[in-house]
């Protein structure tokens, strides 16, 4: 249960805090963009019928969570027009990567 709470707090509230601290003038627009990057989880539906499975490490398992995709997200940081989206996707991957450690315990 704690894993699910931490997971969704990091997916929903943490992007809001990031938007507030780094993009205060346009924080609500940036927060919305960061929340929209969660649509990357639609690849979960292609391979598995559940969005969140507590004993599965999404990173490296799903297409849009693959290391190839993550490298594209990192490259997208270098272009101004894609920077916020790329940051949201990378933060999303870090959040999903943290779930991999719950599997150990």
PDB file of N, CA and C in Angstrom:
ATOM      1  N   UNK A   1       0.819  -1.192   0.000  1.00  0.00           N
ATOM      2  CA  UNK A   1       0.000   0.000   0.000  1.00  0.00           C
ATOM      3  C   UNK A   1       0.866   1.260   0.000  1.00  0.00           C
ATOM      4  N   UNK A   2       1.943   1.246   0.809  1.00  0.00           N
ATOM      5  CA  UNK A   2       2.844   2.393   0.860  1.00  0.00           C
ATOM      6  C   UNK A   2       3.482   2.643  -0.501  1.00  0.00           C
ATOM      7  N   UNK A   3       3.814   1.570  -1.208  1.00  0.00           N
ATOM      8  CA  UNK A   3       4.412   1.702  -2.538  1.00  0.00           C
ATOM      9  C   UNK A   3       3.474   2.454  -3.490  1.00  0.00           C
ATOM     10  N   UNK A   4       2.203   2.111  -3.455  1.00  0.00           N
ATOM     11  CA  UNK A   4       1.228   2.748  -4.341  1.00  0.00           C
ATOM     12  C   UNK A   4       1.098   4.234  -4.003  1.00  0.00           C
ATOM     13  N   UNK A   5       1.067   4.557  -2.719  1.00  0.00           N
ATOM     14  CA  UNK A   5       0.967   5.953  -2.300  1.00  0.00           C
ATOM     15  C   UNK A   5       2.185   6.742  -2.767  1.00  0.00           C
ATOM     16  N   UNK A   6       3.376   6.213  -2.511  1.00  0.00           N
ATOM     17  CA  UNK A   6       4.609   6.888  -2.929  1.00  0.00           C
ATOM     18  C   UNK A   6       4.627   7.047  -4.446  1.00  0.00           C
ATOM     19  N   UNK A   7       4.256   6.003  -5.163  1.00  0.00           N
ATOM     20  CA  UNK A   7       4.269   6.023  -6.627  1.00  0.00           C
ATOM     21  C   UNK A   7       3.395   7.146  -7.177  1.00  0.00           C
ATOM     22  N   UNK A   8       2.174   7.233  -6.717  1.00  0.00           N
ATOM     23  CA  UNK A   8       1.262   8.229  -7.264  1.00  0.00           C
ATOM     24  C   UNK A   8       1.513   9.641  -6.744  1.00  0.00           C
ATOM     25  N   UNK A   9       2.057   9.767  -5.537  1.00  0.00           N
ATOM     26  CA  UNK A   9       2.464  11.095  -5.057  1.00  0.00           C
ATOM     27  C   UNK A   9       3.588  11.623  -5.947  1.00  0.00           C
ATOM     28  N   UNK A  10       4.540  10.757  -6.281  1.00  0.00           N
ATOM     29  CA  UNK A  10       5.631  11.182  -7.156  1.00  0.00           C
ATOM     30  C   UNK A  10       5.144  11.478  -8.570  1.00  0.00           C
ATOM     31  N   UNK A  11       4.126  10.781  -9.026  1.00  0.00           N
ATOM     32  CA  UNK A  11       3.599  11.029 -10.367  1.00  0.00           C
ATOM     33  C   UNK A  11       2.707  12.265 -10.445  1.00  0.00           C
ATOM     34  N   UNK A  12       2.035  12.621  -9.369  1.00  0.00           N
ATOM     35  CA  UNK A  12       1.044  13.705  -9.440  1.00  0.00           C
ATOM     36  C   UNK A  12       1.489  14.954  -8.681  1.00  0.00           C
ATOM     37  N   UNK A  13       1.847  14.805  -7.421  1.00  0.00           N
ATOM     38  CA  UNK A  13       2.182  15.989  -6.621  1.00  0.00           C
ATOM     39  C   UNK A  13       3.594  16.514  -6.865  1.00  0.00           C
ATOM     40  N   UNK A  14       4.555  15.623  -7.028  1.00  0.00           N
ATOM     41  CA  UNK A  14       5.937  16.067  -7.248  1.00  0.00           C
ATOM     42  C   UNK A  14       6.070  16.916  -8.510  1.00  0.00           C
ATOM     43  N   UNK A  15       5.439  16.559  -9.644  1.00  0.00           N
ATOM     44  CA  UNK A  15       5.511  17.451 -10.808  1.00  0.00           C
ATOM     45  C   UNK A  15       4.920  18.836 -10.522  1.00  0.00           C
ATOM     46  N   UNK A  16       3.901  18.898  -9.684  1.00  0.00           N
ATOM     47  CA  UNK A  16       3.340  20.185  -9.306  1.00  0.00           C
ATOM     48  C   UNK A  16       4.345  21.026  -8.534  1.00  0.00           C
ATOM     49  N   UNK A  17       5.081  20.385  -7.631  1.00  0.00           N
ATOM     50  CA  UNK A  17       6.122  21.096  -6.880  1.00  0.00           C
ATOM     51  C   UNK A  17       7.256  21.537  -7.790  1.00  0.00           C
ATOM     52  N   UNK A  18       7.648  20.673  -8.717  1.00  0.00           N
ATOM     53  CA  UNK A  18       8.687  21.032  -9.682  1.00  0.00           C
ATOM     54  C   UNK A  18       8.239  22.238 -10.502  1.00  0.00           C
ATOM     55  N   UNK A  19       7.003  22.200 -10.975  1.00  0.00           N
ATOM     56  CA  UNK A  19       6.465  23.315 -11.765  1.00  0.00           C
ATOM     57  C   UNK A  19       6.441  24.596 -10.934  1.00  0.00           C
ATOM     58  N   UNK A  20       6.036  24.491  -9.681  1.00  0.00           N
ATOM     59  CA  UNK A  20       5.933  25.668  -8.813  1.00  0.00           C
ATOM     60  C   UNK A  20       7.297  26.298  -8.540  1.00  0.00           C
ATOM     61  N   UNK A  21       8.309  25.467  -8.266  1.00  0.00           N
ATOM     62  CA  UNK A  21       9.621  25.995  -7.919  1.00  0.00           C
ATOM     63  C   UNK A  21      10.417  26.492  -9.115  1.00  0.00           C
ATOM     64  N   UNK A  22      10.300  25.819 -10.262  1.00  0.00           N
ATOM     65  CA  UNK A  22      11.143  26.161 -11.401  1.00  0.00           C
ATOM     66  C   UNK A  22      10.453  26.987 -12.484  1.00  0.00           C
ATOM     67  N   UNK A  23       9.130  26.977 -12.499  1.00  0.00           N
ATOM     68  CA  UNK A  23       8.379  27.689 -13.533  1.00  0.00           C
ATOM     69  C   UNK A  23       7.231  28.461 -12.897  1.00  0.00           C
ATOM     70  N   UNK A  24       7.517  29.231 -11.874  1.00  0.00           N
ATOM     71  CA  UNK A  24       6.469  29.852 -11.073  1.00  0.00           C
ATOM     72  C   UNK A  24       5.523  30.715 -11.899  1.00  0.00           C
ATOM     73  N   UNK A  25       6.039  31.402 -12.904  1.00  0.00           N
ATOM     74  CA  UNK A  25       5.181  32.283 -13.704  1.00  0.00           C
ATOM     75  C   UNK A  25       4.134  31.498 -14.496  1.00  0.00           C
ATOM     76  N   UNK A  26       4.458  30.281 -14.862  1.00  0.00           N
ATOM     77  CA  UNK A  26       3.555  29.451 -15.678  1.00  0.00           C
ATOM     78  C   UNK A  26       3.384  28.066 -15.051  1.00  0.00           C
ATOM     79  N   UNK A  27       3.376  28.005 -13.722  1.00  0.00           N
ATOM     80  CA  UNK A  27       3.421  26.715 -13.035  1.00  0.00           C
ATOM     81  C   UNK A  27       2.249  25.810 -13.393  1.00  0.00           C
ATOM     82  N   UNK A  28       1.052  26.347 -13.558  1.00  0.00           N
ATOM     83  CA  UNK A  28      -0.102  25.478 -13.827  1.00  0.00           C
ATOM     84  C   UNK A  28      -0.013  24.859 -15.222  1.00  0.00           C
ATOM     85  N   UNK A  29       0.458  25.623 -16.188  1.00  0.00           N
ATOM     86  CA  UNK A  29       0.633  25.088 -17.542  1.00  0.00           C
ATOM     87  C   UNK A  29       1.726  24.013 -17.568  1.00  0.00           C
ATOM     88  N   UNK A  30       2.827  24.283 -16.872  1.00  0.00           N
ATOM     89  CA  UNK A  30       3.926  23.309 -16.820  1.00  0.00           C
ATOM     90  C   UNK A  30       3.480  22.058 -16.082  1.00  0.00           C
ATOM     91  N   UNK A  31       2.730  22.206 -15.002  1.00  0.00           N
ATOM     92  CA  UNK A  31       2.233  21.044 -14.254  1.00  0.00           C
ATOM     93  C   UNK A  31       1.337  20.192 -15.156  1.00  0.00           C
ATOM     94  N   UNK A  32       0.493  20.832 -15.915  1.00  0.00           N
ATOM     95  CA  UNK A  32      -0.365  20.094 -16.833  1.00  0.00           C
ATOM     96  C   UNK A  32       0.469  19.329 -17.865  1.00  0.00           C
ATOM     97  N   UNK A  33       1.492  19.963 -18.404  1.00  0.00           N
ATOM     98  CA  UNK A  33       2.370  19.280 -19.358  1.00  0.00           C
ATOM     99  C   UNK A  33       3.045  18.090 -18.697  1.00  0.00           C
ATOM    100  N   UNK A  34       3.535  18.294 -17.475  1.00  0.00           N
ATOM    101  CA  UNK A  34       4.193  17.195 -16.754  1.00  0.00           C
ATOM    102  C   UNK A  34       3.214  16.061 -16.465  1.00  0.00           C
ATOM    103  N   UNK A  35       1.982  16.397 -16.138  1.00  0.00           N
ATOM    104  CA  UNK A  35       0.972  15.357 -15.913  1.00  0.00           C
ATOM    105  C   UNK A  35       0.646  14.621 -17.209  1.00  0.00           C
ATOM    106  N   UNK A  36       0.632  15.340 -18.306  1.00  0.00           N
ATOM    107  CA  UNK A  36       0.337  14.702 -19.594  1.00  0.00           C
ATOM    108  C   UNK A  36       1.424  13.725 -20.021  1.00  0.00           C
ATOM    109  N   UNK A  37       2.629  13.893 -19.486  1.00  0.00           N
ATOM    110  CA  UNK A  37       3.685  12.928 -19.819  1.00  0.00           C
ATOM    111  C   UNK A  37       3.386  11.553 -19.227  1.00  0.00           C
ATOM    112  N   UNK A  38       2.412  11.480 -18.327  1.00  0.00           N
ATOM    113  CA  UNK A  38       2.029  10.170 -17.780  1.00  0.00           C
ATOM    114  C   UNK A  38       1.322   9.305 -18.812  1.00  0.00           C
ATOM    115  N   UNK A  39       0.939   9.899 -19.933  1.00  0.00           N
ATOM    116  CA  UNK A  39       0.333   9.084 -20.989  1.00  0.00           C
ATOM    117  C   UNK A  39       1.325   8.076 -21.541  1.00  0.00           C
ATOM    118  N   UNK A  40       2.585   8.231 -21.189  1.00  0.00           N
ATOM    119  CA  UNK A  40       3.594   7.251 -21.581  1.00  0.00           C
ATOM    120  C   UNK A  40       3.252   5.876 -20.992  1.00  0.00           C
ATOM    121  N   UNK A  41       2.438   5.855 -19.949  1.00  0.00           N
ATOM    122  CA  UNK A  41       2.031   4.585 -19.335  1.00  0.00           C
ATOM    123  C   UNK A  41       1.042   3.798 -20.185  1.00  0.00           C
ATOM    124  N   UNK A  42       0.570   4.369 -21.262  1.00  0.00           N
ATOM    125  CA  UNK A  42      -0.326   3.614 -22.142  1.00  0.00           C
ATOM    126  C   UNK A  42       0.354   2.390 -22.731  1.00  0.00           C
ATOM    127  N   UNK A  43       1.682   2.394 -22.769  1.00  0.00           N
ATOM    128  CA  UNK A  43       2.374   1.212 -23.261  1.00  0.00           C
ATOM    129  C   UNK A  43       2.206   0.013 -22.327  1.00  0.00           C
ATOM    130  N   UNK A  44       1.792   0.251 -21.095  1.00  0.00           N
ATOM    131  CA  UNK A  44       1.505  -0.845 -20.171  1.00  0.00           C
ATOM    132  C   UNK A  44       0.323  -1.674 -20.691  1.00  0.00           C
ATOM    133  N   UNK A  45      -0.615  -1.018 -21.325  1.00  0.00           N
ATOM    134  CA  UNK A  45      -1.807  -1.708 -21.815  1.00  0.00           C
ATOM    135  C   UNK A  45      -1.507  -2.623 -23.005  1.00  0.00           C
ATOM    136  N   UNK A  46      -0.454  -2.321 -23.730  1.00  0.00           N
ATOM    137  CA  UNK A  46      -0.078  -3.138 -24.886  1.00  0.00           C
ATOM    138  C   UNK A  46       0.452  -4.493 -24.442  1.00  0.00           C
ATOM    139  N   UNK A  47       1.270  -4.499 -23.389  1.00  0.00           N
ATOM    140  CA  UNK A  47       1.940  -5.727 -22.980  1.00  0.00           C
ATOM    141  C   UNK A  47       1.294  -6.398 -21.780  1.00  0.00           C
ATOM    142  N   UNK A  48       0.536  -5.663 -21.031  1.00  0.00           N
ATOM    143  CA  UNK A  48      -0.030  -6.181 -19.784  1.00  0.00           C
ATOM    144  C   UNK A  48      -1.349  -5.458 -19.555  1.00  0.00           C
ATOM    145  N   UNK A  49      -2.351  -6.102 -19.059  1.00  0.00           N
ATOM    146  CA  UNK A  49      -3.652  -5.431 -18.924  1.00  0.00           C
ATOM    147  C   UNK A  49      -3.769  -4.461 -17.759  1.00  0.00           C
ATOM    148  N   UNK A  50      -2.726  -4.277 -16.987  1.00  0.00           N
ATOM    149  CA  UNK A  50      -2.816  -3.387 -15.831  1.00  0.00           C
ATOM    150  C   UNK A  50      -1.849  -2.222 -15.963  1.00  0.00           C
ATOM    151  N   UNK A  51      -2.285  -1.049 -15.548  1.00  0.00           N
ATOM    152  CA  UNK A  51      -1.410   0.123 -15.561  1.00  0.00           C
ATOM    153  C   UNK A  51      -0.318  -0.026 -14.510  1.00  0.00           C
ATOM    154  N   UNK A  52      -0.667  -0.421 -13.308  1.00  0.00           N
ATOM    155  CA  UNK A  52       0.307  -0.515 -12.223  1.00  0.00           C
ATOM    156  C   UNK A  52       0.283  -1.912 -11.629  1.00  0.00           C
ATOM    157  N   UNK A  53       1.417  -2.573 -11.697  1.00  0.00           N
ATOM    158  CA  UNK A  53       1.591  -3.881 -11.070  1.00  0.00           C
ATOM    159  C   UNK A  53       2.760  -3.741 -10.114  1.00  0.00           C
ATOM    160  N   UNK A  54       2.511  -3.942  -8.837  1.00  0.00           N
ATOM    161  CA  UNK A  54       3.510  -3.637  -7.819  1.00  0.00           C
ATOM    162  C   UNK A  54       4.765  -4.507  -7.904  1.00  0.00           C
ATOM    163  N   UNK A  55       4.679  -5.700  -8.445  1.00  0.00           N
ATOM    164  CA  UNK A  55       5.857  -6.570  -8.496  1.00  0.00           C
ATOM    165  C   UNK A  55       6.489  -6.614  -9.888  1.00  0.00           C
ATOM    166  N   UNK A  56       6.315  -5.550 -10.650  1.00  0.00           N
ATOM    167  CA  UNK A  56       6.912  -5.490 -11.988  1.00  0.00           C
ATOM    168  C   UNK A  56       7.737  -4.214 -12.100  1.00  0.00           C
ATOM    169  N   UNK A  57       8.917  -4.333 -12.673  1.00  0.00           N
ATOM    170  CA  UNK A  57       9.756  -3.176 -12.942  1.00  0.00           C
ATOM    171  C   UNK A  57       9.453  -2.715 -14.361  1.00  0.00           C
ATOM    172  N   UNK A  58       8.824  -1.559 -14.493  1.00  0.00           N
ATOM    173  CA  UNK A  58       8.414  -1.056 -15.803  1.00  0.00           C
ATOM    174  C   UNK A  58       9.597  -0.661 -16.675  1.00  0.00           C
ATOM    175  N   UNK A  59      10.646  -0.135 -16.048  1.00  0.00           N
ATOM    176  CA  UNK A  59      11.804   0.343 -16.804  1.00  0.00           C
ATOM    177  C   UNK A  59      12.509  -0.860 -17.427  1.00  0.00           C
ATOM    178  N   UNK A  60      12.650  -0.780 -18.727  1.00  0.00           N
ATOM    179  CA  UNK A  60      13.269  -1.877 -19.461  1.00  0.00           C
ATOM    180  C   UNK A  60      12.288  -2.963 -19.867  1.00  0.00           C
ATOM    181  N   UNK A  61      11.045  -2.867 -19.422  1.00  0.00           N
ATOM    182  CA  UNK A  61      10.046  -3.894 -19.732  1.00  0.00           C
ATOM    183  C   UNK A  61       9.094  -3.429 -20.823  1.00  0.00           C
ATOM    184  N   UNK A  62       8.619  -2.209 -20.722  1.00  0.00           N
ATOM    185  CA  UNK A  62       7.654  -1.672 -21.676  1.00  0.00           C
ATOM    186  C   UNK A  62       8.368  -0.856 -22.758  1.00  0.00           C
ATOM    187  N   UNK A  63       7.742  -0.747 -23.916  1.00  0.00           N
ATOM    188  CA  UNK A  63       8.336  -0.073 -25.067  1.00  0.00           C
ATOM    189  C   UNK A  63       8.741   1.369 -24.758  1.00  0.00           C
ATOM    190  N   UNK A  64       7.832   2.155 -24.213  1.00  0.00           N
ATOM    191  CA  UNK A  64       8.143   3.557 -23.935  1.00  0.00           C
ATOM    192  C   UNK A  64       8.920   3.756 -22.636  1.00  0.00           C
ATOM    193  N   UNK A  65       9.198   2.655 -21.956  1.00  0.00           N
ATOM    194  CA  UNK A  65      10.033   2.669 -20.755  1.00  0.00           C
ATOM    195  C   UNK A  65      11.369   1.975 -21.024  1.00  0.00           C
ATOM    196  N   UNK A  66      11.656   1.706 -22.294  1.00  0.00           N
ATOM    197  CA  UNK A  66      12.890   1.005 -22.670  1.00  0.00           C
ATOM    198  C   UNK A  66      14.080   1.956 -22.571  1.00  0.00           C
ATOM    199  N   UNK A  67      15.261   1.383 -22.546  1.00  0.00           N
ATOM    200  CA  UNK A  67      16.463   2.203 -22.445  1.00  0.00           C
ATOM    201  C   UNK A  67      16.665   3.039 -23.708  1.00  0.00           C
ATOM    202  N   UNK A  68      16.223   2.546 -24.847  1.00  0.00           N
ATOM    203  CA  UNK A  68      16.274   3.320 -26.087  1.00  0.00           C
ATOM    204  C   UNK A  68      15.378   4.553 -25.970  1.00  0.00           C
ATOM    205  N   UNK A  69      14.182   4.362 -25.483  1.00  0.00           N
ATOM    206  CA  UNK A  69      13.262   5.491 -25.324  1.00  0.00           C
ATOM    207  C   UNK A  69      13.806   6.497 -24.323  1.00  0.00           C
ATOM    208  N   UNK A  70      14.365   6.010 -23.228  1.00  0.00           N
ATOM    209  CA  UNK A  70      14.920   6.905 -22.208  1.00  0.00           C
ATOM    210  C   UNK A  70      16.069   7.720 -22.778  1.00  0.00           C
ATOM    211  N   UNK A  71      16.874   7.118 -23.636  1.00  0.00           N
ATOM    212  CA  UNK A  71      17.976   7.875 -24.252  1.00  0.00           C
ATOM    213  C   UNK A  71      17.431   8.983 -25.161  1.00  0.00           C
ATOM    214  N   UNK A  72      16.315   8.744 -25.824  1.00  0.00           N
ATOM    215  CA  UNK A  72      15.683   9.784 -26.640  1.00  0.00           C
ATOM    216  C   UNK A  72      15.151  10.899 -25.749  1.00  0.00           C
ATOM    217  N   UNK A  73      14.576  10.534 -24.597  1.00  0.00           N
ATOM    218  CA  UNK A  73      14.077  11.545 -23.665  1.00  0.00           C
ATOM    219  C   UNK A  73      15.231  12.427 -23.173  1.00  0.00           C
ATOM    220  N   UNK A  74      16.374  11.816 -22.912  1.00  0.00           N
ATOM    221  CA  UNK A  74      17.543  12.578 -22.453  1.00  0.00           C
ATOM    222  C   UNK A  74      18.022  13.524 -23.556  1.00  0.00           C
ATOM    223  N   UNK A  75      18.074  13.026 -24.790  1.00  0.00           N
ATOM    224  CA  UNK A  75      18.475  13.894 -25.906  1.00  0.00           C
ATOM    225  C   UNK A  75      17.505  15.056 -26.097  1.00  0.00           C
ATOM    226  N   UNK A  76      16.231  14.824 -25.848  1.00  0.00           N
ATOM    227  CA  UNK A  76      15.216  15.865 -26.015  1.00  0.00           C
ATOM    228  C   UNK A  76      15.400  17.012 -25.021  1.00  0.00           C
ATOM    229  N   UNK A  77      16.164  16.785 -23.967  1.00  0.00           N
ATOM    230  CA  UNK A  77      16.446  17.861 -23.011  1.00  0.00           C
ATOM    231  C   UNK A  77      17.247  19.003 -23.646  1.00  0.00           C
ATOM    232  N   UNK A  78      17.962  18.701 -24.702  1.00  0.00           N
ATOM    233  CA  UNK A  78      18.847  19.691 -25.310  1.00  0.00           C
ATOM    234  C   UNK A  78      18.126  20.674 -26.234  1.00  0.00           C
ATOM    235  N   UNK A  79      16.855  20.414 -26.540  1.00  0.00           N
ATOM    236  CA  UNK A  79      16.080  21.327 -27.380  1.00  0.00           C
ATOM    237  C   UNK A  79      15.065  22.048 -26.515  1.00  0.00           C
ATOM    238  N   UNK A  80      15.042  23.340 -26.657  1.00  0.00           N
ATOM    239  CA  UNK A  80      14.180  24.168 -25.824  1.00  0.00           C
ATOM    240  C   UNK A  80      12.699  23.794 -25.943  1.00  0.00           C
ATOM    241  N   UNK A  81      12.242  23.498 -27.153  1.00  0.00           N
ATOM    242  CA  UNK A  81      10.825  23.206 -27.379  1.00  0.00           C
ATOM    243  C   UNK A  81      10.380  21.887 -26.754  1.00  0.00           C
ATOM    244  N   UNK A  82      11.296  20.980 -26.520  1.00  0.00           N
ATOM    245  CA  UNK A  82      10.926  19.679 -25.956  1.00  0.00           C
ATOM    246  C   UNK A  82      11.425  19.489 -24.525  1.00  0.00           C
ATOM    247  N   UNK A  83      12.060  20.495 -23.966  1.00  0.00           N
ATOM    248  CA  UNK A  83      12.722  20.360 -22.657  1.00  0.00           C
ATOM    249  C   UNK A  83      11.763  19.988 -21.525  1.00  0.00           C
ATOM    250  N   UNK A  84      10.626  20.657 -21.420  1.00  0.00           N
ATOM    251  CA  UNK A  84       9.700  20.375 -20.310  1.00  0.00           C
ATOM    252  C   UNK A  84       9.094  18.982 -20.461  1.00  0.00           C
ATOM    253  N   UNK A  85       8.737  18.619 -21.675  1.00  0.00           N
ATOM    254  CA  UNK A  85       8.192  17.274 -21.915  1.00  0.00           C
ATOM    255  C   UNK A  85       9.242  16.228 -21.591  1.00  0.00           C
ATOM    256  N   UNK A  86      10.476  16.464 -22.049  1.00  0.00           N
ATOM    257  CA  UNK A  86      11.558  15.515 -21.772  1.00  0.00           C
ATOM    258  C   UNK A  86      11.810  15.393 -20.270  1.00  0.00           C
ATOM    259  N   UNK A  87      11.797  16.514 -19.569  1.00  0.00           N
ATOM    260  CA  UNK A  87      12.001  16.472 -18.121  1.00  0.00           C
ATOM    261  C   UNK A  87      10.890  15.682 -17.439  1.00  0.00           C
ATOM    262  N   UNK A  88       9.655  15.864 -17.893  1.00  0.00           N
ATOM    263  CA  UNK A  88       8.542  15.098 -17.331  1.00  0.00           C
ATOM    264  C   UNK A  88       8.685  13.611 -17.587  1.00  0.00           C
ATOM    265  N   UNK A  89       9.109  13.255 -18.797  1.00  0.00           N
ATOM    266  CA  UNK A  89       9.287  11.838 -19.131  1.00  0.00           C
ATOM    267  C   UNK A  89      10.427  11.223 -18.322  1.00  0.00           C
ATOM    268  N   UNK A  90      11.506  11.963 -18.163  1.00  0.00           N
ATOM    269  CA  UNK A  90      12.635  11.449 -17.376  1.00  0.00           C
ATOM    270  C   UNK A  90      12.244  11.312 -15.910  1.00  0.00           C
ATOM    271  N   UNK A  91      11.545  12.304 -15.369  1.00  0.00           N
ATOM    272  CA  UNK A  91      11.079  12.195 -13.987  1.00  0.00           C
ATOM    273  C   UNK A  91      10.140  10.996 -13.835  1.00  0.00           C
ATOM    274  N   UNK A  92       9.315  10.763 -14.841  1.00  0.00           N
ATOM    275  CA  UNK A  92       8.410   9.608 -14.841  1.00  0.00           C
ATOM    276  C   UNK A  92       9.213   8.305 -14.815  1.00  0.00           C
ATOM    277  N   UNK A  93      10.270   8.234 -15.598  1.00  0.00           N
ATOM    278  CA  UNK A  93      11.095   7.022 -15.631  1.00  0.00           C
ATOM    279  C   UNK A  93      11.799   6.806 -14.294  1.00  0.00           C
ATOM    280  N   UNK A  94      12.255   7.889 -13.680  1.00  0.00           N
ATOM    281  CA  UNK A  94      12.895   7.770 -12.367  1.00  0.00           C
ATOM    282  C   UNK A  94      11.892   7.264 -11.337  1.00  0.00           C
ATOM    283  N   UNK A  95      10.684   7.795 -11.383  1.00  0.00           N
ATOM    284  CA  UNK A  95       9.631   7.347 -10.469  1.00  0.00           C
ATOM    285  C   UNK A  95       9.331   5.862 -10.669  1.00  0.00           C
ATOM    286  N   UNK A  96       9.209   5.441 -11.928  1.00  0.00           N
ATOM    287  CA  UNK A  96       8.948   4.025 -12.198  1.00  0.00           C
ATOM    288  C   UNK A  96      10.149   3.158 -11.835  1.00  0.00           C
ATOM    289  N   UNK A  97      11.338   3.692 -11.989  1.00  0.00           N
ATOM    290  CA  UNK A  97      12.551   2.959 -11.639  1.00  0.00           C
ATOM    291  C   UNK A  97      12.613   2.704 -10.138  1.00  0.00           C
ATOM    292  N   UNK A  98      12.114   3.664  -9.347  1.00  0.00           N
ATOM    293  CA  UNK A  98      12.087   3.480  -7.896  1.00  0.00           C
ATOM    294  C   UNK A  98      11.226   2.276  -7.511  1.00  0.00           C
ATOM    295  N   UNK A  99      10.199   1.980  -8.321  1.00  0.00           N
ATOM    296  CA  UNK A  99       9.368   0.803  -8.054  1.00  0.00           C
ATOM    297  C   UNK A  99      10.172  -0.491  -8.130  1.00  0.00           C
ATOM    298  N   UNK A 100      11.225  -0.489  -8.903  1.00  0.00           N
ATOM    299  CA  UNK A 100      12.061  -1.686  -9.032  1.00  0.00           C
ATOM    300  C   UNK A 100      12.688  -2.062  -7.692  1.00  0.00           C
ATOM    301  N   UNK A 101      12.946  -1.069  -6.857  1.00  0.00           N
ATOM    302  CA  UNK A 101      13.568  -1.341  -5.551  1.00  0.00           C
ATOM    303  C   UNK A 101      12.568  -1.896  -4.548  1.00  0.00           C
ATOM    304  N   UNK A 102      11.298  -1.611  -4.723  1.00  0.00           N
ATOM    305  CA  UNK A 102      10.279  -2.193  -3.835  1.00  0.00           C
ATOM    306  C   UNK A 102      10.229  -3.696  -4.023  1.00  0.00           C
ATOM    307  N   UNK A 103      10.572  -4.153  -5.215  1.00  0.00           N
ATOM    308  CA  UNK A 103      10.513  -5.594  -5.506  1.00  0.00           C
ATOM    309  C   UNK A 103      11.555  -6.350  -4.696  1.00  0.00           C
ATOM    310  N   UNK A 104      12.648  -5.688  -4.342  1.00  0.00           N
ATOM    311  CA  UNK A 104      13.728  -6.340  -3.586  1.00  0.00           C
ATOM    312  C   UNK A 104      13.273  -6.659  -2.177  1.00  0.00           C
ATOM    313  N   UNK A 105      12.457  -5.777  -1.614  1.00  0.00           N
ATOM    314  CA  UNK A 105      12.056  -5.933  -0.208  1.00  0.00           C
ATOM    315  C   UNK A 105      10.784  -6.655  -0.101  1.00  0.00           C
TER     316      UNK A 105
END
